[in-house]
N, C-alpha and C. Protein backbone atom coordinates (compact mmCIF):
# COMPACT_ATOMS: atom_id res chain seq x y z
N MET A 1 -0.47 -8.53 8.88
CA MET A 1 0.73 -7.71 8.99
C MET A 1 1.25 -7.32 7.61
N THR A 2 1.12 -8.20 6.62
CA THR A 2 1.60 -7.91 5.28
C THR A 2 0.84 -6.74 4.66
N GLN A 3 -0.49 -6.72 4.75
CA GLN A 3 -1.28 -5.63 4.20
C GLN A 3 -0.92 -4.30 4.87
N GLN A 4 -0.71 -4.32 6.19
CA GLN A 4 -0.35 -3.11 6.91
C GLN A 4 1.02 -2.61 6.43
N LYS A 5 1.95 -3.50 6.22
CA LYS A 5 3.29 -3.14 5.74
C LYS A 5 3.20 -2.56 4.33
N LEU A 6 2.38 -3.16 3.46
CA LEU A 6 2.19 -2.64 2.11
C LEU A 6 1.64 -1.22 2.14
N ARG A 7 0.61 -0.99 2.98
CA ARG A 7 0.01 0.34 3.06
C ARG A 7 1.02 1.37 3.55
N LYS A 8 1.89 0.97 4.46
CA LYS A 8 2.90 1.87 5.00
C LYS A 8 3.97 2.20 3.97
N LEU A 9 4.42 1.20 3.21
CA LEU A 9 5.50 1.40 2.25
C LEU A 9 5.04 1.99 0.92
N TRP A 10 3.76 1.81 0.56
CA TRP A 10 3.28 2.22 -0.76
C TRP A 10 3.58 3.68 -1.09
N PRO A 11 3.24 4.67 -0.21
CA PRO A 11 3.51 6.06 -0.60
C PRO A 11 4.99 6.32 -0.83
N LEU A 12 5.86 5.79 0.02
CA LEU A 12 7.29 6.00 -0.15
C LEU A 12 7.78 5.35 -1.43
N LEU A 13 7.36 4.11 -1.68
CA LEU A 13 7.77 3.40 -2.89
C LEU A 13 7.29 4.16 -4.12
N PHE A 14 6.05 4.65 -4.08
CA PHE A 14 5.49 5.37 -5.22
C PHE A 14 6.28 6.65 -5.49
N CYS A 15 6.58 7.39 -4.42
CA CYS A 15 7.33 8.63 -4.59
C CYS A 15 8.73 8.35 -5.12
N LEU A 16 9.36 7.29 -4.62
CA LEU A 16 10.67 6.91 -5.12
C LEU A 16 10.58 6.52 -6.59
N ALA A 17 9.51 5.83 -6.93
CA ALA A 17 9.38 5.32 -8.29
C ALA A 17 9.24 6.41 -9.32
N ILE A 18 8.48 7.43 -9.01
CA ILE A 18 8.22 8.42 -10.04
C ILE A 18 8.79 9.79 -9.76
N GLY A 19 9.55 9.91 -8.68
CA GLY A 19 10.19 11.19 -8.41
C GLY A 19 9.23 12.28 -8.01
N LEU A 20 8.12 11.91 -7.38
CA LEU A 20 7.16 12.92 -6.95
C LEU A 20 7.67 13.66 -5.73
N SER A 21 7.26 14.91 -5.60
CA SER A 21 7.61 15.68 -4.41
C SER A 21 6.53 15.44 -3.37
N CYS A 22 6.61 14.32 -2.69
CA CYS A 22 5.54 13.89 -1.79
C CYS A 22 5.75 14.30 -0.34
N ASN A 23 6.82 15.02 -0.04
CA ASN A 23 7.09 15.45 1.32
C ASN A 23 7.09 14.31 2.31
N LEU A 24 7.69 13.18 1.95
CA LEU A 24 7.76 12.03 2.84
C LEU A 24 9.14 11.90 3.46
N SER A 25 10.01 12.88 3.23
CA SER A 25 11.39 12.75 3.71
C SER A 25 11.45 12.78 5.22
N GLU A 26 12.40 12.00 5.75
CA GLU A 26 12.70 12.01 7.17
C GLU A 26 14.11 12.56 7.30
N ARG A 27 14.40 13.21 8.41
CA ARG A 27 15.74 13.76 8.59
C ARG A 27 16.71 12.66 8.93
N GLY A 28 17.88 12.72 8.32
CA GLY A 28 18.94 11.76 8.59
C GLY A 28 20.27 12.47 8.49
N SER A 29 21.28 11.93 9.13
CA SER A 29 22.57 12.59 9.12
C SER A 29 23.62 11.87 8.31
N ASP A 30 23.32 10.64 7.85
CA ASP A 30 24.35 9.88 7.16
C ASP A 30 23.74 9.13 6.01
N ASP A 31 24.41 9.10 4.88
CA ASP A 31 23.93 8.36 3.73
C ASP A 31 25.09 7.61 3.14
N SER A 32 25.02 6.30 3.19
CA SER A 32 26.11 5.52 2.62
C SER A 32 25.76 5.03 1.23
N GLY A 33 24.65 5.53 0.67
CA GLY A 33 24.25 5.12 -0.67
C GLY A 33 25.12 5.79 -1.70
N SER A 34 25.01 5.28 -2.92
CA SER A 34 25.78 5.87 -4.00
C SER A 34 24.92 5.94 -5.24
N SER A 35 25.30 6.79 -6.14
CA SER A 35 24.60 6.91 -7.40
C SER A 35 25.57 6.54 -8.50
N ASN A 36 25.26 5.48 -9.22
CA ASN A 36 26.12 5.06 -10.31
C ASN A 36 25.45 5.41 -11.61
N SER A 37 25.76 6.57 -12.15
CA SER A 37 25.13 6.96 -13.39
C SER A 37 26.19 7.37 -14.40
N PRO A 38 25.99 6.95 -15.64
CA PRO A 38 26.95 7.32 -16.66
C PRO A 38 26.83 8.79 -17.00
N PRO A 39 27.83 9.38 -17.61
CA PRO A 39 27.72 10.77 -18.00
C PRO A 39 26.59 10.95 -18.99
N SER A 40 26.00 12.12 -18.98
CA SER A 40 24.86 12.40 -19.84
C SER A 40 25.29 12.35 -21.30
N ARG A 41 24.44 11.78 -22.12
CA ARG A 41 24.74 11.79 -23.54
C ARG A 41 24.28 13.12 -24.11
N SER A 42 24.97 13.63 -25.09
CA SER A 42 24.55 14.90 -25.66
C SER A 42 23.38 14.66 -26.59
N SER A 43 22.51 15.61 -26.63
CA SER A 43 21.32 15.47 -27.45
C SER A 43 21.64 15.91 -28.87
N SER A 44 21.19 15.10 -29.82
CA SER A 44 21.42 15.45 -31.21
C SER A 44 20.27 16.30 -31.75
N ASN A 45 19.25 16.54 -30.93
CA ASN A 45 18.08 17.28 -31.36
C ASN A 45 18.19 18.71 -30.88
N THR A 46 18.11 19.68 -31.78
CA THR A 46 18.26 21.08 -31.39
C THR A 46 16.97 21.66 -30.83
N ASP A 47 15.84 20.95 -30.94
CA ASP A 47 14.56 21.46 -30.45
C ASP A 47 14.22 20.90 -29.07
N VAL A 48 15.21 20.51 -28.29
CA VAL A 48 14.97 19.93 -26.98
C VAL A 48 14.27 20.94 -26.07
N VAL A 49 13.26 20.46 -25.39
CA VAL A 49 12.57 21.29 -24.40
C VAL A 49 13.08 20.89 -23.04
N ASP A 50 13.55 21.87 -22.27
CA ASP A 50 13.98 21.56 -20.91
C ASP A 50 13.20 22.45 -19.94
N GLY A 51 13.26 22.09 -18.67
CA GLY A 51 12.57 22.89 -17.67
C GLY A 51 11.93 22.03 -16.59
N SER A 52 11.13 22.70 -15.77
CA SER A 52 10.46 22.04 -14.65
C SER A 52 8.97 22.32 -14.73
N TRP A 53 8.19 21.30 -14.37
CA TRP A 53 6.74 21.41 -14.33
C TRP A 53 6.26 20.93 -12.97
N LYS A 54 5.18 21.54 -12.47
CA LYS A 54 4.61 21.14 -11.18
C LYS A 54 3.10 21.09 -11.28
N GLY A 55 2.51 20.30 -10.41
CA GLY A 55 1.06 20.19 -10.36
C GLY A 55 0.64 19.02 -9.51
N THR A 56 -0.51 18.45 -9.81
CA THR A 56 -1.00 17.29 -9.07
C THR A 56 -1.34 16.18 -10.05
N VAL A 57 -1.24 14.95 -9.56
CA VAL A 57 -1.69 13.79 -10.33
C VAL A 57 -2.78 13.10 -9.53
N ASN A 58 -3.78 12.61 -10.24
CA ASN A 58 -4.88 11.86 -9.64
C ASN A 58 -4.67 10.39 -9.94
N CYS A 59 -4.73 9.57 -8.89
CA CYS A 59 -4.49 8.14 -9.04
C CYS A 59 -5.80 7.38 -8.97
N ASP A 60 -5.83 6.23 -9.66
CA ASP A 60 -7.06 5.44 -9.69
C ASP A 60 -7.38 4.76 -8.36
N ASP A 61 -6.49 4.89 -7.36
CA ASP A 61 -6.79 4.36 -6.03
C ASP A 61 -7.37 5.44 -5.12
N GLY A 62 -7.65 6.64 -5.69
CA GLY A 62 -8.26 7.72 -4.94
C GLY A 62 -7.28 8.74 -4.39
N ASN A 63 -5.98 8.49 -4.47
CA ASN A 63 -4.99 9.44 -3.98
C ASN A 63 -4.76 10.56 -4.98
N GLN A 64 -4.49 11.75 -4.45
CA GLN A 64 -4.07 12.89 -5.26
C GLN A 64 -2.74 13.35 -4.68
N LEU A 65 -1.69 13.42 -5.52
CA LEU A 65 -0.35 13.72 -5.06
C LEU A 65 0.23 14.93 -5.76
N ASP A 66 0.99 15.75 -5.02
CA ASP A 66 1.74 16.83 -5.63
C ASP A 66 2.88 16.20 -6.42
N ALA A 67 3.14 16.72 -7.60
CA ALA A 67 4.16 16.13 -8.45
C ALA A 67 5.03 17.21 -9.09
N SER A 68 6.27 16.85 -9.36
CA SER A 68 7.16 17.71 -10.13
C SER A 68 7.87 16.84 -11.16
N TYR A 69 8.22 17.42 -12.28
CA TYR A 69 8.87 16.69 -13.37
C TYR A 69 9.89 17.63 -13.97
N ARG A 70 11.13 17.14 -14.15
CA ARG A 70 12.18 17.96 -14.73
C ARG A 70 12.77 17.29 -15.95
N ILE A 71 13.10 18.12 -16.94
CA ILE A 71 13.80 17.67 -18.13
C ILE A 71 15.07 18.49 -18.23
N ALA A 72 16.21 17.81 -18.34
CA ALA A 72 17.51 18.48 -18.44
C ALA A 72 17.67 19.11 -19.82
N ALA A 73 18.67 19.96 -19.96
CA ALA A 73 18.95 20.62 -21.24
C ALA A 73 19.25 19.60 -22.34
N SER A 74 19.72 18.40 -21.95
CA SER A 74 20.02 17.35 -22.92
C SER A 74 18.74 16.70 -23.47
N GLY A 75 17.60 16.96 -22.82
CA GLY A 75 16.34 16.34 -23.23
C GLY A 75 16.00 15.10 -22.42
N ASN A 76 16.88 14.70 -21.48
CA ASN A 76 16.63 13.54 -20.64
C ASN A 76 15.84 13.91 -19.39
N PRO A 77 15.03 12.99 -18.88
CA PRO A 77 14.32 13.27 -17.63
C PRO A 77 15.30 13.25 -16.45
N VAL A 78 15.01 14.07 -15.46
CA VAL A 78 15.81 14.11 -14.23
C VAL A 78 15.00 13.41 -13.15
N TYR A 79 15.58 12.36 -12.57
CA TYR A 79 14.91 11.57 -11.54
C TYR A 79 15.31 12.11 -10.17
N GLU A 80 14.33 12.51 -9.38
CA GLU A 80 14.58 13.04 -8.04
C GLU A 80 14.16 12.00 -7.02
N TYR A 81 14.96 11.85 -5.95
CA TYR A 81 14.64 10.86 -4.92
C TYR A 81 15.14 11.34 -3.58
N GLN A 82 14.61 10.73 -2.51
CA GLN A 82 15.02 11.05 -1.15
C GLN A 82 15.98 10.00 -0.64
N SER A 83 17.17 10.43 -0.28
CA SER A 83 18.12 9.53 0.37
C SER A 83 18.11 9.85 1.87
N LYS A 84 18.81 9.05 2.62
CA LYS A 84 18.84 9.25 4.07
C LYS A 84 19.39 10.63 4.44
N SER A 85 20.29 11.17 3.63
CA SER A 85 20.87 12.47 3.93
C SER A 85 20.20 13.62 3.17
N GLY A 86 19.09 13.36 2.50
CA GLY A 86 18.36 14.44 1.85
C GLY A 86 18.06 14.17 0.39
N PRO A 87 17.49 15.17 -0.28
CA PRO A 87 17.10 15.00 -1.67
C PRO A 87 18.31 14.87 -2.59
N ARG A 88 18.16 14.02 -3.60
CA ARG A 88 19.19 13.80 -4.61
C ARG A 88 18.51 13.78 -5.98
N GLU A 89 19.33 13.88 -7.01
CA GLU A 89 18.80 13.77 -8.37
C GLU A 89 19.84 13.16 -9.29
N VAL A 90 19.35 12.53 -10.36
CA VAL A 90 20.22 11.95 -11.36
C VAL A 90 19.50 12.03 -12.70
N GLU A 91 20.26 12.33 -13.74
CA GLU A 91 19.69 12.37 -15.08
C GLU A 91 19.61 10.95 -15.63
N LEU A 92 18.43 10.55 -16.11
CA LEU A 92 18.27 9.22 -16.70
C LEU A 92 18.72 9.29 -18.15
N THR A 93 19.69 8.44 -18.51
CA THR A 93 20.32 8.58 -19.82
C THR A 93 20.21 7.35 -20.72
N GLU A 94 20.18 6.13 -20.13
CA GLU A 94 20.20 4.95 -20.99
C GLU A 94 19.71 3.72 -20.25
N SER A 95 19.28 2.73 -21.03
CA SER A 95 18.89 1.44 -20.45
C SER A 95 20.07 0.83 -19.72
N GLY A 96 19.79 0.20 -18.59
CA GLY A 96 20.83 -0.43 -17.80
C GLY A 96 21.42 0.47 -16.73
N GLN A 97 21.16 1.76 -16.80
CA GLN A 97 21.66 2.68 -15.77
C GLN A 97 21.11 2.27 -14.40
N MET A 98 21.96 2.33 -13.37
CA MET A 98 21.53 1.92 -12.03
C MET A 98 21.82 3.00 -11.01
N VAL A 99 20.87 3.20 -10.09
CA VAL A 99 21.02 4.12 -8.97
C VAL A 99 20.75 3.31 -7.71
N ARG A 100 21.67 3.37 -6.75
CA ARG A 100 21.51 2.64 -5.48
C ARG A 100 21.72 3.62 -4.34
N PHE A 101 20.82 3.61 -3.33
CA PHE A 101 20.93 4.56 -2.23
C PHE A 101 20.23 4.02 -0.99
N VAL A 102 20.51 4.68 0.14
CA VAL A 102 19.86 4.38 1.41
C VAL A 102 18.71 5.37 1.56
N PRO A 103 17.45 4.90 1.59
CA PRO A 103 16.31 5.81 1.75
C PRO A 103 16.18 6.30 3.19
N PRO A 104 15.32 7.29 3.44
CA PRO A 104 15.19 7.86 4.79
C PRO A 104 14.92 6.83 5.88
N GLY A 105 14.16 5.78 5.62
CA GLY A 105 13.83 4.79 6.63
C GLY A 105 14.87 3.69 6.79
N GLY A 106 15.97 3.75 6.05
CA GLY A 106 17.00 2.72 6.11
C GLY A 106 16.80 1.67 5.03
N GLY A 107 17.64 0.65 5.06
CA GLY A 107 17.62 -0.37 4.03
C GLY A 107 18.39 0.10 2.81
N VAL A 108 18.13 -0.55 1.67
CA VAL A 108 18.79 -0.19 0.41
C VAL A 108 17.75 -0.21 -0.70
N THR A 109 17.76 0.82 -1.51
CA THR A 109 16.89 0.90 -2.68
C THR A 109 17.75 0.90 -3.93
N THR A 110 17.36 0.07 -4.91
CA THR A 110 18.07 0.00 -6.19
C THR A 110 17.07 0.29 -7.30
N ILE A 111 17.45 1.17 -8.20
CA ILE A 111 16.61 1.54 -9.34
C ILE A 111 17.40 1.26 -10.61
N VAL A 112 16.79 0.54 -11.54
CA VAL A 112 17.42 0.22 -12.82
C VAL A 112 16.53 0.74 -13.95
N VAL A 113 17.13 1.45 -14.90
CA VAL A 113 16.38 1.92 -16.07
C VAL A 113 16.25 0.76 -17.04
N ASP A 114 15.01 0.31 -17.28
CA ASP A 114 14.76 -0.76 -18.25
C ASP A 114 14.73 -0.23 -19.68
N SER A 115 14.11 0.94 -19.86
CA SER A 115 14.05 1.53 -21.20
C SER A 115 13.85 3.03 -21.06
N ILE A 116 14.27 3.76 -22.10
CA ILE A 116 14.08 5.21 -22.11
C ILE A 116 14.03 5.67 -23.56
N SER A 117 13.11 6.59 -23.85
CA SER A 117 12.98 7.16 -25.18
C SER A 117 12.63 8.64 -25.02
N THR A 118 13.39 9.50 -25.69
CA THR A 118 13.14 10.94 -25.57
C THR A 118 13.01 11.58 -26.94
N SER A 119 12.11 12.55 -27.02
CA SER A 119 11.97 13.40 -28.21
C SER A 119 11.50 14.76 -27.70
N PRO A 120 11.48 15.78 -28.56
CA PRO A 120 11.03 17.10 -28.09
C PRO A 120 9.58 17.12 -27.63
N GLU A 121 8.76 16.16 -28.06
CA GLU A 121 7.34 16.16 -27.70
C GLU A 121 6.98 15.14 -26.63
N ARG A 122 7.82 14.10 -26.45
CA ARG A 122 7.40 12.97 -25.62
C ARG A 122 8.61 12.30 -24.97
N ILE A 123 8.45 11.94 -23.69
CA ILE A 123 9.47 11.18 -22.98
C ILE A 123 8.81 9.98 -22.32
N THR A 124 9.36 8.80 -22.56
CA THR A 124 8.88 7.60 -21.89
C THR A 124 10.07 6.89 -21.27
N TYR A 125 9.83 6.28 -20.12
CA TYR A 125 10.86 5.43 -19.53
C TYR A 125 10.19 4.42 -18.61
N ALA A 126 10.93 3.32 -18.39
CA ALA A 126 10.46 2.27 -17.49
C ALA A 126 11.58 1.96 -16.50
N LEU A 127 11.20 1.82 -15.24
CA LEU A 127 12.16 1.56 -14.17
C LEU A 127 11.78 0.29 -13.42
N ARG A 128 12.80 -0.39 -12.90
CA ARG A 128 12.63 -1.49 -11.93
C ARG A 128 13.15 -0.99 -10.60
N ILE A 129 12.33 -1.06 -9.57
CA ILE A 129 12.71 -0.56 -8.25
C ILE A 129 12.65 -1.71 -7.27
N SER A 130 13.73 -1.91 -6.50
CA SER A 130 13.70 -2.92 -5.45
C SER A 130 14.16 -2.26 -4.15
N ASP A 131 13.55 -2.70 -3.05
CA ASP A 131 13.87 -2.14 -1.75
C ASP A 131 14.00 -3.29 -0.76
N GLU A 132 15.07 -3.29 0.01
CA GLU A 132 15.28 -4.31 1.04
C GLU A 132 15.59 -3.63 2.36
N SER A 133 14.94 -4.12 3.42
CA SER A 133 15.25 -3.64 4.77
C SER A 133 14.99 -4.79 5.73
N SER A 134 15.60 -4.69 6.92
CA SER A 134 15.40 -5.75 7.90
C SER A 134 15.28 -5.14 9.28
N GLY A 135 14.64 -5.87 10.16
CA GLY A 135 14.48 -5.44 11.53
C GLY A 135 13.80 -6.54 12.33
N GLY A 136 14.31 -6.82 13.51
CA GLY A 136 13.70 -7.83 14.37
C GLY A 136 13.69 -9.21 13.76
N GLY A 137 14.68 -9.53 12.93
CA GLY A 137 14.75 -10.85 12.32
C GLY A 137 13.87 -11.01 11.09
N THR A 138 13.19 -9.94 10.66
CA THR A 138 12.32 -10.01 9.49
C THR A 138 12.95 -9.24 8.34
N LEU A 139 13.03 -9.87 7.18
CA LEU A 139 13.52 -9.23 5.97
C LEU A 139 12.31 -8.80 5.15
N SER A 140 12.26 -7.53 4.81
CA SER A 140 11.18 -7.01 3.99
C SER A 140 11.75 -6.64 2.62
N GLN A 141 11.16 -7.19 1.58
CA GLN A 141 11.60 -6.90 0.22
C GLN A 141 10.41 -6.42 -0.59
N SER A 142 10.58 -5.34 -1.32
CA SER A 142 9.54 -4.89 -2.22
C SER A 142 10.14 -4.74 -3.60
N ALA A 143 9.34 -5.04 -4.58
CA ALA A 143 9.76 -4.89 -5.97
C ALA A 143 8.65 -4.18 -6.72
N ALA A 144 9.03 -3.29 -7.60
CA ALA A 144 8.04 -2.54 -8.37
C ALA A 144 8.60 -2.28 -9.76
N THR A 145 7.69 -2.10 -10.68
CA THR A 145 8.05 -1.59 -12.00
C THR A 145 7.23 -0.33 -12.21
N MET A 146 7.81 0.63 -12.88
CA MET A 146 7.11 1.87 -13.13
C MET A 146 7.31 2.27 -14.58
N GLU A 147 6.22 2.59 -15.23
CA GLU A 147 6.26 3.09 -16.60
C GLU A 147 5.77 4.52 -16.58
N SER A 148 6.54 5.42 -17.18
CA SER A 148 6.22 6.84 -17.19
C SER A 148 6.11 7.33 -18.62
N GLU A 149 5.09 8.14 -18.86
CA GLU A 149 4.94 8.79 -20.17
C GLU A 149 4.62 10.25 -19.93
N ALA A 150 5.37 11.14 -20.58
CA ALA A 150 5.15 12.57 -20.47
C ALA A 150 5.07 13.16 -21.87
N ASN A 151 3.99 13.89 -22.14
CA ASN A 151 3.78 14.53 -23.44
C ASN A 151 3.74 16.03 -23.25
N ILE A 152 4.53 16.75 -24.02
CA ILE A 152 4.56 18.21 -23.93
C ILE A 152 3.43 18.77 -24.78
N ASP A 153 2.60 19.60 -24.14
CA ASP A 153 1.46 20.22 -24.80
C ASP A 153 1.55 21.72 -24.55
N GLY A 154 2.22 22.44 -25.46
CA GLY A 154 2.47 23.87 -25.24
C GLY A 154 3.41 24.03 -24.06
N SER A 155 2.95 24.78 -23.05
CA SER A 155 3.79 24.95 -21.85
C SER A 155 3.41 23.95 -20.77
N ASP A 156 2.42 23.10 -21.03
CA ASP A 156 2.00 22.08 -20.07
C ASP A 156 2.65 20.74 -20.36
N LEU A 157 2.64 19.87 -19.36
CA LEU A 157 3.17 18.53 -19.51
C LEU A 157 2.10 17.56 -19.02
N GLU A 158 1.61 16.72 -19.91
CA GLU A 158 0.65 15.68 -19.53
C GLU A 158 1.44 14.44 -19.14
N VAL A 159 1.20 13.93 -17.93
CA VAL A 159 1.96 12.80 -17.43
C VAL A 159 1.04 11.64 -17.05
N GLU A 160 1.57 10.43 -17.21
CA GLU A 160 0.88 9.22 -16.77
C GLU A 160 1.93 8.27 -16.23
N PHE A 161 1.68 7.73 -15.04
CA PHE A 161 2.58 6.77 -14.40
C PHE A 161 1.79 5.52 -14.05
N THR A 162 2.35 4.36 -14.35
CA THR A 162 1.76 3.09 -13.94
C THR A 162 2.78 2.37 -13.07
N VAL A 163 2.38 2.07 -11.84
CA VAL A 163 3.28 1.42 -10.88
C VAL A 163 2.68 0.07 -10.48
N ARG A 164 3.48 -0.98 -10.66
CA ARG A 164 3.11 -2.32 -10.22
C ARG A 164 4.07 -2.70 -9.10
N SER A 165 3.53 -3.08 -7.93
CA SER A 165 4.40 -3.39 -6.80
C SER A 165 3.96 -4.64 -6.06
N ARG A 166 4.94 -5.23 -5.35
CA ARG A 166 4.68 -6.43 -4.55
C ARG A 166 5.71 -6.49 -3.42
N ASN A 167 5.26 -6.81 -2.22
CA ASN A 167 6.15 -6.95 -1.06
C ASN A 167 6.22 -8.40 -0.63
N VAL A 168 7.35 -8.77 -0.02
CA VAL A 168 7.53 -10.10 0.56
C VAL A 168 8.18 -9.92 1.93
N LEU A 169 7.60 -10.53 2.96
CA LEU A 169 8.19 -10.53 4.29
C LEU A 169 8.71 -11.93 4.56
N SER A 170 9.91 -12.04 5.13
CA SER A 170 10.43 -13.38 5.41
C SER A 170 11.21 -13.40 6.71
N GLN A 171 11.14 -14.53 7.36
CA GLN A 171 11.93 -14.87 8.54
C GLN A 171 12.49 -16.24 8.26
N PRO A 172 13.50 -16.70 9.03
CA PRO A 172 14.06 -18.03 8.77
C PRO A 172 12.97 -19.09 8.72
N GLY A 173 12.83 -19.73 7.56
CA GLY A 173 11.85 -20.80 7.38
C GLY A 173 10.46 -20.34 7.00
N ILE A 174 10.21 -19.02 6.96
CA ILE A 174 8.86 -18.51 6.65
C ILE A 174 8.98 -17.41 5.59
N VAL A 175 8.15 -17.51 4.54
CA VAL A 175 8.07 -16.47 3.52
C VAL A 175 6.60 -16.12 3.35
N VAL A 176 6.27 -14.82 3.50
CA VAL A 176 4.89 -14.37 3.37
C VAL A 176 4.81 -13.40 2.18
N PRO A 177 4.31 -13.88 1.02
CA PRO A 177 4.20 -12.98 -0.13
C PRO A 177 3.04 -12.01 0.08
N GLY A 178 3.23 -10.78 -0.36
CA GLY A 178 2.17 -9.78 -0.27
C GLY A 178 1.34 -9.76 -1.55
N ASP A 179 0.28 -9.00 -1.50
CA ASP A 179 -0.56 -8.84 -2.68
C ASP A 179 0.12 -7.93 -3.70
N GLU A 180 -0.17 -8.17 -4.96
CA GLU A 180 0.35 -7.29 -6.00
C GLU A 180 -0.59 -6.10 -6.12
N SER A 181 -0.02 -4.93 -6.33
CA SER A 181 -0.79 -3.70 -6.44
C SER A 181 -0.44 -3.02 -7.76
N VAL A 182 -1.46 -2.51 -8.45
CA VAL A 182 -1.25 -1.74 -9.68
C VAL A 182 -1.99 -0.42 -9.52
N VAL A 183 -1.28 0.69 -9.68
CA VAL A 183 -1.88 2.01 -9.57
C VAL A 183 -1.46 2.84 -10.78
N VAL A 184 -2.44 3.54 -11.36
CA VAL A 184 -2.18 4.44 -12.49
C VAL A 184 -2.52 5.86 -12.04
N CYS A 185 -1.61 6.79 -12.28
CA CYS A 185 -1.81 8.21 -11.93
C CYS A 185 -1.64 9.05 -13.18
N ARG A 186 -2.50 10.07 -13.30
CA ARG A 186 -2.45 10.97 -14.46
C ARG A 186 -2.61 12.40 -13.99
N GLY A 187 -2.02 13.32 -14.75
CA GLY A 187 -2.20 14.74 -14.42
C GLY A 187 -1.61 15.63 -15.49
N ARG A 188 -1.92 16.91 -15.36
CA ARG A 188 -1.38 17.94 -16.23
C ARG A 188 -0.57 18.89 -15.36
N LEU A 189 0.72 18.98 -15.65
CA LEU A 189 1.62 19.81 -14.87
C LEU A 189 1.93 21.09 -15.64
N ARG A 190 2.19 22.16 -14.89
CA ARG A 190 2.46 23.45 -15.53
C ARG A 190 3.85 23.95 -15.20
N LYS A 191 4.45 24.68 -16.16
CA LYS A 191 5.80 25.25 -15.95
C LYS A 191 5.75 26.33 -14.90
């Protein structure tokens, strides 16, 4: 049951982790999640590149996913995610920033920025993602870390994402740890 649960949650967790446009959204009418993000810091660099890039990324597990990547006018990456009431976005600005929301399938997802570095040529950031949901007396918890690197090459954006994830299922008196998964995806996106 744990492996089946991991396979079911992996695409959603991956899309949440890296802001891919994976078309996994489900329709919902209510979202009690919130986004706690500090105001954007102004960029001291006048050569900031902003815009949107789209394309596909190839993952070392054999998956190929449609992807989009946005950089705000400030030079910070824009993180896109699916909440229960639809698509949302937040500009990633600093370490410690936290975003908490209810995903389409229910439960609670929390994302914390561990590190972020921006320049006109390169953006890197690392996120911690945790997801909790329950049903039928079973608590499902997943934890992941994601490292993202984006390099601007002319009008193209070369991206690489590394996602490490692990699920745990528990009932009163029973804890079933899942296998750890590591997936690396790379691609070249175009404006």
